[in-house]
C-alpha atoms as a PDB file:
ATOM      1  CA  UNK A   1      16.596   5.306   9.263  1.00  0.00           C
ATOM      2  CA  UNK A   2      13.262   5.578   7.449  1.00  0.00           C
ATOM      3  CA  UNK A   3      12.437   2.671   5.129  1.00  0.00           C
ATOM      4  CA  UNK A   4      10.612   5.123   2.846  1.00  0.00           C
ATOM      5  CA  UNK A   5      11.663   8.764   2.750  1.00  0.00           C
ATOM      6  CA  UNK A   6      10.213  11.272   0.285  1.00  0.00           C
ATOM      7  CA  UNK A   7      11.492  14.839   0.240  1.00  0.00           C
ATOM      8  CA  UNK A   8       9.924  17.682  -1.761  1.00  0.00           C
ATOM      9  CA  UNK A   9       8.675  15.231  -4.379  1.00  0.00           C
ATOM     10  CA  UNK A  10       7.200  16.459  -7.648  1.00  0.00           C
ATOM     11  CA  UNK A  11       5.952  13.583  -9.815  1.00  0.00           C
ATOM     12  CA  UNK A  12       3.298  12.845 -12.382  1.00  0.00           C
ATOM     13  CA  UNK A  13       2.506  11.562 -15.849  1.00  0.00           C
ATOM     14  CA  UNK A  14       4.162  12.724 -19.066  1.00  0.00           C
ATOM     15  CA  UNK A  15       5.863  15.580 -17.272  1.00  0.00           C
ATOM     16  CA  UNK A  16       2.616  16.941 -15.810  1.00  0.00           C
ATOM     17  CA  UNK A  17       2.818  17.046 -11.988  1.00  0.00           C
ATOM     18  CA  UNK A  18       0.153  15.161 -10.062  1.00  0.00           C
ATOM     19  CA  UNK A  19       2.071  15.445  -6.779  1.00  0.00           C
ATOM     20  CA  UNK A  20       3.846  18.628  -5.710  1.00  0.00           C
ATOM     21  CA  UNK A  21       6.337  19.272  -2.914  1.00  0.00           C
ATOM     22  CA  UNK A  22       5.423  16.132  -0.959  1.00  0.00           C
ATOM     23  CA  UNK A  23       7.504  15.114   2.036  1.00  0.00           C
ATOM     24  CA  UNK A  24       6.718  11.972   4.042  1.00  0.00           C
ATOM     25  CA  UNK A  25       8.389   9.090   5.853  1.00  0.00           C
ATOM     26  CA  UNK A  26       7.494   5.530   6.791  1.00  0.00           C
ATOM     27  CA  UNK A  27       9.501   3.757   9.471  1.00  0.00           C
ATOM     28  CA  UNK A  28      10.072   0.028   9.915  1.00  0.00           C
ATOM     29  CA  UNK A  29       7.194  -1.546  11.832  1.00  0.00           C
ATOM     30  CA  UNK A  30       4.927   1.399  11.093  1.00  0.00           C
ATOM     31  CA  UNK A  31       1.669   1.663   9.139  1.00  0.00           C
ATOM     32  CA  UNK A  32       1.160   5.030   7.439  1.00  0.00           C
ATOM     33  CA  UNK A  33      -2.075   5.921   5.642  1.00  0.00           C
ATOM     34  CA  UNK A  34      -1.974   8.153   2.564  1.00  0.00           C
ATOM     35  CA  UNK A  35      -5.455   9.629   2.227  1.00  0.00           C
ATOM     36  CA  UNK A  36      -7.313  12.083   0.041  1.00  0.00           C
ATOM     37  CA  UNK A  37     -10.087  12.370  -2.548  1.00  0.00           C
ATOM     38  CA  UNK A  38      -9.888  10.788  -5.980  1.00  0.00           C
ATOM     39  CA  UNK A  39      -7.288  12.477  -8.154  1.00  0.00           C
ATOM     40  CA  UNK A  40      -5.306  13.811  -5.211  1.00  0.00           C
ATOM     41  CA  UNK A  41      -2.079  12.055  -6.270  1.00  0.00           C
ATOM     42  CA  UNK A  42      -2.088   9.091  -3.898  1.00  0.00           C
ATOM     43  CA  UNK A  43      -1.574   6.335  -6.476  1.00  0.00           C
ATOM     44  CA  UNK A  44       0.951   8.506  -8.314  1.00  0.00           C
ATOM     45  CA  UNK A  45       2.980   8.619  -5.103  1.00  0.00           C
ATOM     46  CA  UNK A  46       2.987   4.826  -4.730  1.00  0.00           C
ATOM     47  CA  UNK A  47       3.904   4.191  -8.367  1.00  0.00           C
ATOM     48  CA  UNK A  48       6.713   6.729  -8.127  1.00  0.00           C
ATOM     49  CA  UNK A  49       8.149   4.988  -5.057  1.00  0.00           C
ATOM     50  CA  UNK A  50       7.928   1.696  -6.956  1.00  0.00           C
ATOM     51  CA  UNK A  51       9.890   3.211  -9.837  1.00  0.00           C
ATOM     52  CA  UNK A  52       7.080   3.015 -12.409  1.00  0.00           C
ATOM     53  CA  UNK A  53       6.731   6.801 -12.740  1.00  0.00           C
ATOM     54  CA  UNK A  54       9.608   9.277 -13.074  1.00  0.00           C
ATOM     55  CA  UNK A  55      10.602  11.819 -10.463  1.00  0.00           C
ATOM     56  CA  UNK A  56      10.311  15.344 -11.852  1.00  0.00           C
ATOM     57  CA  UNK A  57      12.121  16.835  -8.862  1.00  0.00           C
ATOM     58  CA  UNK A  58      12.800  16.044  -5.237  1.00  0.00           C
ATOM     59  CA  UNK A  59      14.066  12.756  -3.841  1.00  0.00           C
ATOM     60  CA  UNK A  60      12.716   9.311  -3.003  1.00  0.00           C
ATOM     61  CA  UNK A  61      14.748   6.917  -0.874  1.00  0.00           C
ATOM     62  CA  UNK A  62      13.674   3.361  -0.105  1.00  0.00           C
ATOM     63  CA  UNK A  63      15.534   1.118   2.304  1.00  0.00           C
ATOM     64  CA  UNK A  64      18.269   3.722   2.611  1.00  0.00           C
ATOM     65  CA  UNK A  65      18.981   4.184  -1.099  1.00  0.00           C
ATOM     66  CA  UNK A  66      17.804   6.643  -3.723  1.00  0.00           C
ATOM     67  CA  UNK A  67      15.567   5.168  -6.424  1.00  0.00           C
ATOM     68  CA  UNK A  68      16.905   7.606  -9.026  1.00  0.00           C
ATOM     69  CA  UNK A  69      17.905   5.709 -12.158  1.00  0.00           C
ATOM     70  CA  UNK A  70      16.766   2.343 -10.803  1.00  0.00           C
ATOM     71  CA  UNK A  71      14.296   0.054 -12.564  1.00  0.00           C
ATOM     72  CA  UNK A  72      11.024  -1.260 -11.169  1.00  0.00           C
ATOM     73  CA  UNK A  73      12.535  -4.742 -10.961  1.00  0.00           C
ATOM     74  CA  UNK A  74      15.637  -3.518  -9.143  1.00  0.00           C
ATOM     75  CA  UNK A  75      13.530  -1.695  -6.535  1.00  0.00           C
ATOM     76  CA  UNK A  76      11.312  -4.761  -6.090  1.00  0.00           C
ATOM     77  CA  UNK A  77      14.319  -7.055  -5.688  1.00  0.00           C
ATOM     78  CA  UNK A  78      15.681  -4.702  -3.021  1.00  0.00           C
ATOM     79  CA  UNK A  79      12.599  -5.423  -0.898  1.00  0.00           C
ATOM     80  CA  UNK A  80       9.762  -3.108  -1.981  1.00  0.00           C
ATOM     81  CA  UNK A  81       6.373  -4.651  -2.803  1.00  0.00           C
ATOM     82  CA  UNK A  82       3.308  -2.911  -4.232  1.00  0.00           C
ATOM     83  CA  UNK A  83      -0.209  -4.351  -4.185  1.00  0.00           C
ATOM     84  CA  UNK A  84      -1.762  -2.398  -7.069  1.00  0.00           C
ATOM     85  CA  UNK A  85      -5.353  -1.283  -7.333  1.00  0.00           C
ATOM     86  CA  UNK A  86      -6.058  -4.012  -9.925  1.00  0.00           C
ATOM     87  CA  UNK A  87      -4.373  -6.584  -7.610  1.00  0.00           C
ATOM     88  CA  UNK A  88      -1.805  -7.682 -10.228  1.00  0.00           C
ATOM     89  CA  UNK A  89      -2.829 -11.341 -10.254  1.00  0.00           C
ATOM     90  CA  UNK A  90      -2.650 -14.026 -12.938  1.00  0.00           C
ATOM     91  CA  UNK A  91      -6.296 -14.997 -13.238  1.00  0.00           C
ATOM     92  CA  UNK A  92      -5.703 -18.186 -15.256  1.00  0.00           C
ATOM     93  CA  UNK A  93      -3.332 -19.565 -12.627  1.00  0.00           C
ATOM     94  CA  UNK A  94      -4.247 -21.217  -9.342  1.00  0.00           C
ATOM     95  CA  UNK A  95      -3.708 -19.614  -5.961  1.00  0.00           C
ATOM     96  CA  UNK A  96      -0.657 -21.814  -5.405  1.00  0.00           C
ATOM     97  CA  UNK A  97       0.795 -20.907  -8.800  1.00  0.00           C
ATOM     98  CA  UNK A  98       0.274 -17.173  -8.185  1.00  0.00           C
ATOM     99  CA  UNK A  99       2.128 -17.410  -4.889  1.00  0.00           C
ATOM    100  CA  UNK A 100       4.965 -19.346  -6.549  1.00  0.00           C
ATOM    101  CA  UNK A 101       5.324 -16.762  -9.325  1.00  0.00           C
ATOM    102  CA  UNK A 102       5.680 -13.938  -6.824  1.00  0.00           C
ATOM    103  CA  UNK A 103       8.149 -15.813  -4.618  1.00  0.00           C
ATOM    104  CA  UNK A 104      11.658 -16.788  -5.542  1.00  0.00           C
ATOM    105  CA  UNK A 105      13.665 -14.916  -2.902  1.00  0.00           C
ATOM    106  CA  UNK A 106      15.540 -18.101  -1.994  1.00  0.00           C
ATOM    107  CA  UNK A 107      16.270 -19.437   1.466  1.00  0.00           C
ATOM    108  CA  UNK A 108      15.764 -16.037   3.078  1.00  0.00           C
ATOM    109  CA  UNK A 109      12.219 -15.688   1.757  1.00  0.00           C
ATOM    110  CA  UNK A 110       9.030 -16.083   3.751  1.00  0.00           C
ATOM    111  CA  UNK A 111       7.523 -19.565   3.501  1.00  0.00           C
ATOM    112  CA  UNK A 112       4.003 -20.466   2.414  1.00  0.00           C
ATOM    113  CA  UNK A 113       3.247 -21.678   5.926  1.00  0.00           C
ATOM    114  CA  UNK A 114       4.267 -18.302   7.325  1.00  0.00           C
ATOM    115  CA  UNK A 115       2.008 -16.528   4.819  1.00  0.00           C
ATOM    116  CA  UNK A 116      -0.870 -18.819   5.793  1.00  0.00           C
ATOM    117  CA  UNK A 117      -0.451 -17.832   9.438  1.00  0.00           C
ATOM    118  CA  UNK A 118      -1.727 -14.409   8.418  1.00  0.00           C
ATOM    119  CA  UNK A 119      -4.022 -15.498   5.585  1.00  0.00           C
ATOM    120  CA  UNK A 120      -5.374 -18.931   6.603  1.00  0.00           C
ATOM    121  CA  UNK A 121      -8.404 -18.559   4.300  1.00  0.00           C
ATOM    122  CA  UNK A 122      -6.069 -19.127   1.326  1.00  0.00           C
ATOM    123  CA  UNK A 123      -5.255 -22.706   2.361  1.00  0.00           C
ATOM    124  CA  UNK A 124      -8.462 -24.381   1.087  1.00  0.00           C
ATOM    125  CA  UNK A 125      -8.213 -22.295  -2.102  1.00  0.00           C
ATOM    126  CA  UNK A 126      -4.707 -23.329  -3.149  1.00  0.00           C
ATOM    127  CA  UNK A 127      -5.774 -25.367  -6.184  1.00  0.00           C
ATOM    128  CA  UNK A 128      -8.550 -22.994  -7.247  1.00  0.00           C
ATOM    129  CA  UNK A 129      -8.009 -20.803 -10.287  1.00  0.00           C
ATOM    130  CA  UNK A 130      -7.661 -17.153  -9.315  1.00  0.00           C
ATOM    131  CA  UNK A 131     -10.388 -16.032 -11.710  1.00  0.00           C
ATOM    132  CA  UNK A 132     -12.952 -18.038  -9.729  1.00  0.00           C
ATOM    133  CA  UNK A 133     -12.184 -16.336  -6.421  1.00  0.00           C
ATOM    134  CA  UNK A 134     -14.389 -13.710  -4.820  1.00  0.00           C
ATOM    135  CA  UNK A 135     -13.149 -10.136  -4.609  1.00  0.00           C
ATOM    136  CA  UNK A 136     -12.149 -10.558  -0.979  1.00  0.00           C
ATOM    137  CA  UNK A 137     -10.318 -13.795  -1.740  1.00  0.00           C
ATOM    138  CA  UNK A 138      -8.476 -12.139  -4.618  1.00  0.00           C
ATOM    139  CA  UNK A 139      -7.412  -9.294  -2.353  1.00  0.00           C
ATOM    140  CA  UNK A 140      -6.116 -11.772   0.216  1.00  0.00           C
ATOM    141  CA  UNK A 141      -4.187 -13.515  -2.536  1.00  0.00           C
ATOM    142  CA  UNK A 142      -2.754 -10.210  -3.763  1.00  0.00           C
ATOM    143  CA  UNK A 143      -1.516  -9.527  -0.241  1.00  0.00           C
ATOM    144  CA  UNK A 144      -0.118 -13.050  -0.008  1.00  0.00           C
ATOM    145  CA  UNK A 145       1.720 -12.608  -3.311  1.00  0.00           C
ATOM    146  CA  UNK A 146       3.271  -9.392  -2.034  1.00  0.00           C
ATOM    147  CA  UNK A 147       4.419 -11.198   1.108  1.00  0.00           C
ATOM    148  CA  UNK A 148       5.880 -14.020  -1.008  1.00  0.00           C
ATOM    149  CA  UNK A 149       8.409 -11.520  -2.378  1.00  0.00           C
ATOM    150  CA  UNK A 150       9.704 -11.054   1.192  1.00  0.00           C
ATOM    151  CA  UNK A 151       9.412  -7.251   1.305  1.00  0.00           C
ATOM    152  CA  UNK A 152      10.817  -4.856   3.857  1.00  0.00           C
ATOM    153  CA  UNK A 153       8.511  -2.096   2.601  1.00  0.00           C
ATOM    154  CA  UNK A 154       4.946  -2.849   1.526  1.00  0.00           C
ATOM    155  CA  UNK A 155       2.597  -0.478  -0.318  1.00  0.00           C
ATOM    156  CA  UNK A 156      -1.100  -1.195  -0.828  1.00  0.00           C
ATOM    157  CA  UNK A 157      -3.240   0.796  -3.254  1.00  0.00           C
ATOM    158  CA  UNK A 158      -6.969   0.771  -2.413  1.00  0.00           C
ATOM    159  CA  UNK A 159      -7.367  -2.555  -0.636  1.00  0.00           C
ATOM    160  CA  UNK A 160     -11.079  -1.812  -0.228  1.00  0.00           C
ATOM    161  CA  UNK A 161     -11.816  -1.342  -3.935  1.00  0.00           C
ATOM    162  CA  UNK A 162     -14.944  -3.331  -4.836  1.00  0.00           C
ATOM    163  CA  UNK A 163     -15.134  -4.996  -1.416  1.00  0.00           C
ATOM    164  CA  UNK A 164     -17.830  -4.893   1.241  1.00  0.00           C
ATOM    165  CA  UNK A 165     -16.836  -2.812   4.299  1.00  0.00           C
ATOM    166  CA  UNK A 166     -16.899  -5.905   6.518  1.00  0.00           C
ATOM    167  CA  UNK A 167     -14.209  -7.537   4.353  1.00  0.00           C
ATOM    168  CA  UNK A 168     -12.064  -4.422   4.586  1.00  0.00           C
ATOM    169  CA  UNK A 169     -12.432  -4.437   8.368  1.00  0.00           C
ATOM    170  CA  UNK A 170     -11.059  -7.990   8.395  1.00  0.00           C
ATOM    171  CA  UNK A 171      -8.144  -7.364   6.054  1.00  0.00           C
ATOM    172  CA  UNK A 172      -6.708  -4.118   7.415  1.00  0.00           C
ATOM    173  CA  UNK A 173      -5.897  -5.517  10.900  1.00  0.00           C
ATOM    174  CA  UNK A 174      -3.855  -8.220   9.142  1.00  0.00           C
ATOM    175  CA  UNK A 175      -1.772  -5.437   7.603  1.00  0.00           C
ATOM    176  CA  UNK A 176      -1.264  -3.943  11.070  1.00  0.00           C
ATOM    177  CA  UNK A 177      -0.086  -7.313  12.407  1.00  0.00           C
ATOM    178  CA  UNK A 178       2.298  -7.819   9.496  1.00  0.00           C
ATOM    179  CA  UNK A 179       3.986  -4.500  10.175  1.00  0.00           C
ATOM    180  CA  UNK A 180       4.396  -5.372  13.837  1.00  0.00           C
ATOM    181  CA  UNK A 181       5.543  -8.974  13.486  1.00  0.00           C
ATOM    182  CA  UNK A 182       7.801  -8.580  10.444  1.00  0.00           C
ATOM    183  CA  UNK A 183       9.052  -5.080  11.311  1.00  0.00           C
ATOM    184  CA  UNK A 184       7.857  -4.022   7.879  1.00  0.00           C
ATOM    185  CA  UNK A 185       7.186  -0.452   6.734  1.00  0.00           C
ATOM    186  CA  UNK A 186       3.646  -0.245   5.327  1.00  0.00           C
ATOM    187  CA  UNK A 187       2.167   2.601   3.285  1.00  0.00           C
ATOM    188  CA  UNK A 188      -1.531   2.242   2.459  1.00  0.00           C
ATOM    189  CA  UNK A 189      -3.785   4.257   0.175  1.00  0.00           C
ATOM    190  CA  UNK A 190      -7.372   3.791   1.270  1.00  0.00           C
ATOM    191  CA  UNK A 191     -10.788   5.373   0.714  1.00  0.00           C
ATOM    192  CA  UNK A 192     -12.306   3.851   3.856  1.00  0.00           C
ATOM    193  CA  UNK A 193     -10.784   6.629   5.914  1.00  0.00           C
ATOM    194  CA  UNK A 194     -11.702   5.606   9.430  1.00  0.00           C
ATOM    195  CA  UNK A 195     -10.891   1.935   8.819  1.00  0.00           C
ATOM    196  CA  UNK A 196      -7.435   3.015   7.642  1.00  0.00           C
ATOM    197  CA  UNK A 197      -6.901   5.350  10.584  1.00  0.00           C
ATOM    198  CA  UNK A 198      -7.895   2.570  12.988  1.00  0.00           C
ATOM    199  CA  UNK A 199      -4.830   0.515  11.985  1.00  0.00           C
ATOM    200  CA  UNK A 200      -2.385   3.296  11.044  1.00  0.00           C
ATOM    201  CA  UNK A 201       0.199   4.998  13.248  1.00  0.00           C
ATOM    202  CA  UNK A 202       0.237   8.190  11.225  1.00  0.00           C
ATOM    203  CA  UNK A 203      -1.549   9.640   8.212  1.00  0.00           C
ATOM    204  CA  UNK A 204      -0.950  12.156   5.438  1.00  0.00           C
ATOM    205  CA  UNK A 205      -3.837  13.728   3.525  1.00  0.00           C
ATOM    206  CA  UNK A 206      -3.346  14.953  -0.038  1.00  0.00           C
ATOM    207  CA  UNK A 207      -5.544  17.479  -1.801  1.00  0.00           C
ATOM    208  CA  UNK A 208      -4.932  18.466  -5.437  1.00  0.00           C
ATOM    209  CA  UNK A 209      -1.512  16.841  -5.250  1.00  0.00           C
ATOM    210  CA  UNK A 210      -0.347  18.752  -2.206  1.00  0.00           C
ATOM    211  CA  UNK A 211      -0.125  17.844   1.457  1.00  0.00           C
ATOM    212  CA  UNK A 212      -3.073  19.390   3.289  1.00  0.00           C
ATOM    213  CA  UNK A 213      -2.966  17.576   6.630  1.00  0.00           C
ATOM    214  CA  UNK A 214      -0.792  15.144   8.560  1.00  0.00           C
ATOM    215  CA  UNK A 215      -0.558  13.781  12.061  1.00  0.00           C
ATOM    216  CA  UNK A 216      -1.018  10.849  14.384  1.00  0.00           C
ATOM    217  CA  UNK A 217      -3.831   8.588  13.202  1.00  0.00           C
ATOM    218  CA  UNK A 218      -5.413   8.446  16.666  1.00  0.00           C
ATOM    219  CA  UNK A 219      -5.681  12.229  16.752  1.00  0.00           C
ATOM    220  CA  UNK A 220      -7.046  12.551  13.221  1.00  0.00           C
ATOM    221  CA  UNK A 221      -9.636   9.859  13.957  1.00  0.00           C
ATOM    222  CA  UNK A 222     -11.339  12.273  16.347  1.00  0.00           C
ATOM    223  CA  UNK A 223     -11.008  15.368  14.141  1.00  0.00           C
ATOM    224  CA  UNK A 224     -13.635  14.778  11.497  1.00  0.00           C
ATOM    225  CA  UNK A 225     -13.813  18.538  10.916  1.00  0.00           C
ATOM    226  CA  UNK A 226     -10.160  18.639   9.847  1.00  0.00           C
ATOM    227  CA  UNK A 227     -10.557  15.611   7.608  1.00  0.00           C
ATOM    228  CA  UNK A 228     -13.633  17.014   5.898  1.00  0.00           C
ATOM    229  CA  UNK A 229     -11.970  20.376   5.314  1.00  0.00           C
ATOM    230  CA  UNK A 230      -8.959  18.563   3.845  1.00  0.00           C
ATOM    231  CA  UNK A 231     -11.302  16.694   1.525  1.00  0.00           C
ATOM    232  CA  UNK A 232     -12.624  20.033   0.309  1.00  0.00           C
ATOM    233  CA  UNK A 233     -16.167  19.562   1.454  1.00  0.00           C
ATOM    234  CA  UNK A 234     -16.628  15.892   0.599  1.00  0.00           C
ATOM    235  CA  UNK A 235     -19.870  14.776   2.222  1.00  0.00           C
ATOM    236  CA  UNK A 236     -18.918  11.163   2.916  1.00  0.00           C
ATOM    237  CA  UNK A 237     -15.428  10.090   3.934  1.00  0.00           C
ATOM    238  CA  UNK A 238     -16.269   6.649   5.277  1.00  0.00           C
ATOM    239  CA  UNK A 239     -16.521   4.911   1.939  1.00  0.00           C
ATOM    240  CA  UNK A 240     -20.342   5.283   2.005  1.00  0.00           C
END
């Protein structure tokens, strides 16, 4: 059973579709990249799965259940975590306090020590206020906060935003390892196309809200011509 299953989804803002007729799946233990130029509907898709935007038509199922009529909090409690583009952190709180706020799943939740196995750079920062962290440190914390909620499905919106490419290249393999070790379904939206494909199992490419290309990440990695045509002539697709 797919942890995330979208079928013929139409979704958008204020009744205006930004995504049309989208069908995709993400399995447990799998990393799937959702790619496309700005305005293609990628973030709309994530926010719809999270329950923050309404479904105009079609279906969205997470962890085996429809999200229709369910609140954002209900979907999150069921085991779906979203790392938003703005990271969703409390900048006046310390790293430790941010992690505590996002935890609270009880005895079955992931421990801080388990989070630090994947994000050891957070350990010396525990008492530092979030607002004083670098962009890369904040992104690590945002990922740690998502893990603290003990998700079965994890979505990440633009991990690379505002970060140097070398930081992105360090963070994305952590996401790959999380999916493998925790048998977690991971859906990532990312502008650093080839960095995303390097850690993904499969990828979907959106253009103007519609699916224009999909396939195994390893195959798409070597088909730059297909990617560029899907991006409607974009000159640079490496985040440069």
